C-alpha atoms as a PDB file:
ATOM      1  CA  MET A   1      -1.145 -17.035 -97.745  1.00  0.00           C
ATOM      2  CA  ASN A   2      -3.293 -14.125 -97.363  1.00  0.00           C
ATOM      3  CA  LYS A   3      -5.573 -16.129 -95.334  1.00  0.00           C
ATOM      4  CA  PHE A   4      -2.812 -17.035 -92.998  1.00  0.00           C
ATOM      5  CA  TYR A   5      -2.273 -13.419 -92.202  1.00  0.00           C
ATOM      6  CA  LEU A   6      -5.768 -13.176 -91.120  1.00  0.00           C
ATOM      7  CA  PHE A   7      -6.335 -16.581 -89.482  1.00  0.00           C
ATOM      8  CA  ILE A   8      -3.174 -16.762 -87.437  1.00  0.00           C
ATOM      9  CA  PRO A   9      -3.623 -13.404 -85.715  1.00  0.00           C
ATOM     10  CA  LEU A  10      -7.313 -14.145 -85.343  1.00  0.00           C
ATOM     11  CA  GLY A  11      -6.611 -17.611 -83.882  1.00  0.00           C
ATOM     12  CA  LEU A  12      -3.929 -16.205 -81.638  1.00  0.00           C
ATOM     13  CA  THR A  13      -6.298 -13.408 -80.603  1.00  0.00           C
ATOM     14  CA  LEU A  14      -8.998 -15.964 -79.850  1.00  0.00           C
ATOM     15  CA  ALA A  15      -6.488 -18.090 -77.947  1.00  0.00           C
ATOM     16  CA  PHE A  16      -5.288 -14.994 -76.113  1.00  0.00           C
ATOM     17  CA  GLY A  17      -8.906 -14.014 -75.473  1.00  0.00           C
ATOM     18  CA  GLY A  18      -9.608 -17.498 -74.091  1.00  0.00           C
ATOM     19  CA  PHE A  19      -6.529 -17.388 -71.885  1.00  0.00           C
ATOM     20  CA  TYR A  20      -7.410 -13.831 -70.874  1.00  0.00           C
ATOM     21  CA  VAL A  21     -10.976 -14.748 -69.912  1.00  0.00           C
ATOM     22  CA  MET A  22      -9.753 -17.816 -68.062  1.00  0.00           C
ATOM     23  CA  TYR A  23      -7.078 -15.795 -66.315  1.00  0.00           C
ATOM     24  CA  LYS A  24      -9.585 -13.036 -65.583  1.00  0.00           C
ATOM     25  CA  GLN A  25     -12.004 -15.565 -64.053  1.00  0.00           C
ATOM     26  CA  GLN A  26      -9.182 -17.100 -62.023  1.00  0.00           C
ATOM     27  CA  ALA A  27      -7.991 -13.651 -60.991  1.00  0.00           C
ATOM     28  CA  GLN A  28     -11.511 -12.606 -60.050  1.00  0.00           C
ATOM     29  CA  ALA A  29     -11.976 -15.859 -58.163  1.00  0.00           C
ATOM     30  CA  SER A  30      -8.634 -15.424 -56.396  1.00  0.00           C
ATOM     31  CA  ILE A  31      -9.451 -11.742 -55.712  1.00  0.00           C
ATOM     32  CA  ALA A  32     -12.897 -12.763 -54.478  1.00  0.00           C
ATOM     33  CA  MET A  33     -11.262 -15.464 -52.380  1.00  0.00           C
ATOM     34  CA  ALA A  34      -8.639 -12.990 -51.149  1.00  0.00           C
ATOM     35  CA  LEU A  35     -11.390 -10.475 -50.366  1.00  0.00           C
ATOM     36  CA  ALA A  36     -13.378 -13.205 -48.650  1.00  0.00           C
ATOM     37  CA  ASP A  37     -10.257 -14.207 -46.707  1.00  0.00           C
ATOM     38  CA  ALA A  38      -9.570 -10.555 -45.911  1.00  0.00           C
ATOM     39  CA  GLU A  39     -13.195 -10.089 -44.810  1.00  0.00           C
ATOM     40  CA  LYS A  40     -12.938 -13.302 -42.819  1.00  0.00           C
ATOM     41  CA  GLU A  41      -9.671 -12.128 -41.222  1.00  0.00           C
ATOM     42  CA  LYS A  42     -11.196  -8.708 -40.675  1.00  0.00           C
ATOM     43  CA  ALA A  43     -14.225 -10.343 -39.066  1.00  0.00           C
ATOM     44  CA  GLU A  44     -11.953 -12.584 -37.001  1.00  0.00           C
ATOM     45  CA  LEU A  45      -9.843  -9.562 -36.000  1.00  0.00           C
ATOM     46  CA  ALA A  46     -13.010  -7.644 -35.175  1.00  0.00           C
ATOM     47  CA  ALA A  47     -14.260 -10.628 -33.165  1.00  0.00           C
ATOM     48  CA  GLN A  48     -10.868 -10.942 -31.426  1.00  0.00           C
ATOM     49  CA  LYS A  49     -10.835  -7.192 -30.846  1.00  0.00           C
ATOM     50  CA  ALA A  50     -14.392  -7.329 -29.515  1.00  0.00           C
ATOM     51  CA  GLU A  51     -13.447 -10.313 -27.332  1.00  0.00           C
ATOM     52  CA  ALA A  52     -10.311  -8.490 -26.141  1.00  0.00           C
ATOM     53  CA  GLU A  53     -12.339  -5.324 -25.470  1.00  0.00           C
ATOM     54  CA  LYS A  54     -14.976  -7.402 -23.672  1.00  0.00           C
ATOM     55  CA  GLN A  55     -12.301  -9.129 -21.602  1.00  0.00           C
ATOM     56  CA  ALA A  56     -10.564  -5.794 -20.970  1.00  0.00           C
ATOM     57  CA  ARG A  57     -13.896  -4.284 -19.908  1.00  0.00           C
ATOM     58  CA  GLU A  58     -14.574  -7.276 -17.664  1.00  0.00           C
ATOM     59  CA  ASP A  59     -11.055  -7.012 -16.202  1.00  0.00           C
ATOM     60  CA  ALA A  60     -11.487  -3.273 -15.727  1.00  0.00           C
ATOM     61  CA  ASP A  61     -14.892  -3.832 -14.108  1.00  0.00           C
ATOM     62  CA  ARG A  62     -13.441  -6.579 -11.927  1.00  0.00           C
ATOM     63  CA  ARG A  63     -10.480  -4.390 -10.921  1.00  0.00           C
ATOM     64  CA  THR A  64     -12.834  -1.476 -10.302  1.00  0.00           C
ATOM     65  CA  ALA A  65     -15.038  -3.703  -8.142  1.00  0.00           C
ATOM     66  CA  GLU A  66     -11.974  -5.022  -6.305  1.00  0.00           C
ATOM     67  CA  ARG A  67     -10.673  -1.480  -5.830  1.00  0.00           C
ATOM     68  CA  LEU A  68     -14.062  -0.304  -4.585  1.00  0.00           C
ATOM     69  CA  ALA A  69     -14.294  -3.301  -2.256  1.00  0.00           C
ATOM     70  CA  GLU A  70     -10.768  -2.618  -1.033  1.00  0.00           C
ATOM     71  CA  GLU A  71     -11.596   1.069  -0.554  1.00  0.00           C
ATOM     72  CA  LYS A  72     -14.761   0.119   1.344  1.00  0.00           C
ATOM     73  CA  THR A  73     -12.733  -2.293   3.466  1.00  0.00           C
ATOM     74  CA  LYS A  74     -10.153   0.398   4.112  1.00  0.00           C
ATOM     75  CA  GLU A  75     -12.944   2.874   4.898  1.00  0.00           C
ATOM     76  CA  HIS A  76     -14.533   0.423   7.324  1.00  0.00           C
ATOM     77  CA  GLU A  77     -11.156  -0.298   8.905  1.00  0.00           C
ATOM     78  CA  LYS A  78     -10.458   3.419   9.114  1.00  0.00           C
ATOM     79  CA  ALA A  79     -13.892   4.057  10.625  1.00  0.00           C
ATOM     80  CA  ALA A  80     -13.409   1.183  13.084  1.00  0.00           C
ATOM     81  CA  LYS A  81      -9.957   2.478  13.982  1.00  0.00           C
ATOM     82  CA  TRP A  82     -11.391   6.000  14.353  1.00  0.00           C
ATOM     83  CA  ALA A  83     -14.196   4.692  16.576  1.00  0.00           C
ATOM     84  CA  ALA A  84     -11.694   2.709  18.655  1.00  0.00           C
ATOM     85  CA  GLN A  85      -9.494   5.774  19.037  1.00  0.00           C
ATOM     86  CA  CYS A  86     -12.506   7.934  19.949  1.00  0.00           C
ATOM     87  CA  LYS A  87     -13.590   5.322  22.505  1.00  0.00           C
ATOM     88  CA  ALA A  88     -10.047   5.149  23.894  1.00  0.00           C
ATOM     89  CA  ILE A  89      -9.909   8.940  24.109  1.00  0.00           C
ATOM     90  CA  ALA A  90     -13.335   9.037  25.785  1.00  0.00           C
ATOM     91  CA  ASP A  91     -12.266   6.309  28.221  1.00  0.00           C
ATOM     92  CA  ASP A  92      -9.005   8.129  28.939  1.00  0.00           C
ATOM     93  CA  THR A  93     -10.899  11.385  29.386  1.00  0.00           C
ATOM     94  CA  ALA A  94     -13.335   9.741  31.785  1.00  0.00           C
ATOM     95  CA  SER A  95     -10.565   8.081  33.784  1.00  0.00           C
ATOM     96  CA  TYR A  96      -8.531  11.282  33.858  1.00  0.00           C
ATOM     97  CA  SER A  97     -11.619  13.259  34.911  1.00  0.00           C
ATOM     98  CA  ALA A  98     -12.275  10.770  37.708  1.00  0.00           C
ATOM     99  CA  GLN A  99      -8.608  10.934  38.692  1.00  0.00           C
ATOM    100  CA  THR A 100      -8.810  14.742  38.597  1.00  0.00           C
ATOM    101  CA  ARG A 101     -11.865  14.755  40.868  1.00  0.00           C
ATOM    102  CA  LYS A 102     -10.139  12.307  43.203  1.00  0.00           C
ATOM    103  CA  ASN A 103      -6.977  14.435  43.184  1.00  0.00           C
ATOM    104  CA  GLU A 104      -9.012  17.599  43.799  1.00  0.00           C
ATOM    105  CA  ALA A 105     -10.696  15.982  46.802  1.00  0.00           C
ATOM    106  CA  GLU A 106      -7.313  14.786  48.058  1.00  0.00           C
ATOM    107  CA  LEU A 107      -5.894  18.269  47.432  1.00  0.00           C
ATOM    108  CA  LYS A 108      -8.686  19.876  49.465  1.00  0.00           C
ATOM    109  CA  SER A 109      -8.107  17.327  52.226  1.00  0.00           C
ATOM    110  CA  LEU A 110      -4.371  17.935  52.176  1.00  0.00           C
ATOM    111  CA  GLU A 111      -4.850  21.718  52.071  1.00  0.00           C
ATOM    112  CA  SER A 112      -7.154  21.600  55.091  1.00  0.00           C
ATOM    113  CA  ARG A 113      -4.674  19.286  56.842  1.00  0.00           C
ATOM    114  CA  LEU A 114      -1.847  21.664  55.881  1.00  0.00           C
ATOM    115  CA  ALA A 115      -3.820  24.618  57.249  1.00  0.00           C
ATOM    116  CA  ALA A 116      -4.449  22.685  60.471  1.00  0.00           C
ATOM    117  CA  LEU A 117      -0.790  21.733  60.708  1.00  0.00           C
ATOM    118  CA  ARG A 118       0.270  25.325  60.061  1.00  0.00           C
ATOM    119  CA  ALA A 119      -2.101  26.509  62.739  1.00  0.00           C
ATOM    120  CA  GLU A 120      -0.748  23.830  65.078  1.00  0.00           C
ATOM    121  CA  LYS A 121       2.812  24.854  64.176  1.00  0.00           C
ATOM    122  CA  GLU A 122       1.968  28.493  64.798  1.00  0.00           C
ATOM    123  CA  LYS A 123       0.426  27.565  68.157  1.00  0.00           C
ATOM    124  CA  ALA A 124       3.465  25.436  68.975  1.00  0.00           C
ATOM    125  CA  ALA A 125       5.754  28.305  67.959  1.00  0.00           C
ATOM    126  CA  GLN A 126       3.781  30.701  70.186  1.00  0.00           C
ATOM    127  CA  ASP A 127       3.823  28.186  73.050  1.00  0.00           C
ATOM    128  CA  SER A 128       7.552  27.673  72.509  1.00  0.00           C
ATOM    129  CA  PHE A 129       8.110  31.419  72.491  1.00  0.00           C
ATOM    130  CA  ALA A 130       6.026  31.777  75.670  1.00  0.00           C
ATOM    131  CA  LEU A 131       8.008  28.956  77.308  1.00  0.00           C
ATOM    132  CA  GLU A 132      11.275  30.529  76.226  1.00  0.00           C
ATOM    133  CA  LEU A 133      10.100  33.791  77.762  1.00  0.00           C
ATOM    134  CA  GLN A 134       9.214  31.956  80.975  1.00  0.00           C
ATOM    135  CA  ILE A 135      12.566  30.140  80.932  1.00  0.00           C
ATOM    136  CA  GLU A 136      14.406  33.394  80.354  1.00  0.00           C
ATOM    137  CA  ALA A 137      12.387  35.070  83.096  1.00  0.00           C
ATOM    138  CA  ALA A 138      13.200  32.149  85.409  1.00  0.00           C
ATOM    139  CA  ARG A 139      16.901  32.447  84.522  1.00  0.00           C
ATOM    140  CA  VAL A 140      16.808  36.176  85.189  1.00  0.00           C
ATOM    141  CA  ALA A 141      15.026  35.536  88.470  1.00  0.00           C
ATOM    142  CA  LYS A 142      17.559  32.800  89.366  1.00  0.00           C
ATOM    143  CA  ARG A 143      20.442  35.131  88.553  1.00  0.00           C
ATOM    144  CA  ALA A 144      18.872  37.908  90.535  1.00  0.00           C
ATOM    145  CA  THR A 145      18.319  35.518  93.439  1.00  0.00           C
ATOM    146  CA  GLU A 146      21.921  34.268  93.245  1.00  0.00           C
ATOM    147  CA  LEU A 147      23.166  37.846  93.210  1.00  0.00           C
ATOM    148  CA  GLU A 148      20.924  38.628  96.162  1.00  0.00           C
ATOM    149  CA  ILE A 149      22.247  35.584  98.016  1.00  0.00           C
ATOM    150  CA  GLN A 150      25.834  36.627  97.273  1.00  0.00           C
ATOM    151  CA  ARG A 151      25.086  40.138  98.476  1.00  0.00           C
ATOM    152  CA  LEU A 152      23.456  38.852 101.641  1.00  0.00           C
ATOM    153  CA  VAL A 153      26.330  36.410 102.213  1.00  0.00           C
ATOM    154  CA  GLU A 154      28.812  39.259 101.832  1.00  0.00           C
ATOM    155  CA  MET A 155      26.769  41.490 104.048  1.00  0.00           C
ATOM    156  CA  VAL A 156      26.505  38.778 106.691  1.00  0.00           C
ATOM    157  CA  ALA A 157      30.202  38.059 106.279  1.00  0.00           C
ATOM    158  CA  ARG A 158      31.021  41.740 106.699  1.00  0.00           C
ATOM    159  CA  GLN A 159      28.881  42.058 109.730  1.00  0.00           C
ATOM    160  CA  ALA A 160      30.254  38.870 111.086  1.00  0.00           C
ATOM    161  CA  GLY A 161      33.766  40.043 110.271  1.00  0.00           C
ATOM    162  CA  THR A 162      33.282  43.292 112.048  1.00  0.00           C
ATOM    163  CA  THR A 163      31.675  41.525 114.938  1.00  0.00           C
ATOM    164  CA  LEU A 164      34.407  38.978 115.064  1.00  0.00           C
ATOM    165  CA  GLY A 165      37.082  41.638 114.761  1.00  0.00           C
ATOM    166  CA  SER A 166      35.674  43.653 117.636  1.00  0.00           C
ATOM    167  CA  VAL A 167      35.322  40.567 119.821  1.00  0.00           C
ATOM    168  CA  THR A 168      38.876  39.561 119.147  1.00  0.00           C
ATOM    169  CA  ALA A 169      40.245  43.073 119.618  1.00  0.00           C
ATOM    170  CA  THR A 170      38.770  43.573 123.103  1.00  0.00           C
ATOM    171  CA  PRO A 171      40.478  40.878 125.121  1.00  0.00           C
END
């Protein structure tokens, strides 16, 4: 029985050792497989991340290019609009300058015409005043003549009355 005390624990230890080694190999294999899977997943994640970063970079580059193209388009449109406005302003300025010169010439013509008309009006006013003076002088002369005729008629009538009265008184 003494042997059993020694063989049984030794057999069980050997069996345990065998199971332990087998388990350890399986555990190491599963750990190695898990590590390999983790590395594979890590590599896949890194590849996905790199792909996502690459795609994000491409998208960012594409958006940047689109934005720059849009900005250039806007700049060209703005420059074209600015040039059109400058041309319109220059055209307006030229037409207004021509209109101003035309108006200035017309103004000078009208001013000279106005001066001539004023001079003509002044001459007409002087002629009218001279005619009014002549008319008034003629009226005064007419009145004086009428008064003179009345005086002469009265004088003749008085002389004729005295002559008639003496002729009628003598018979």
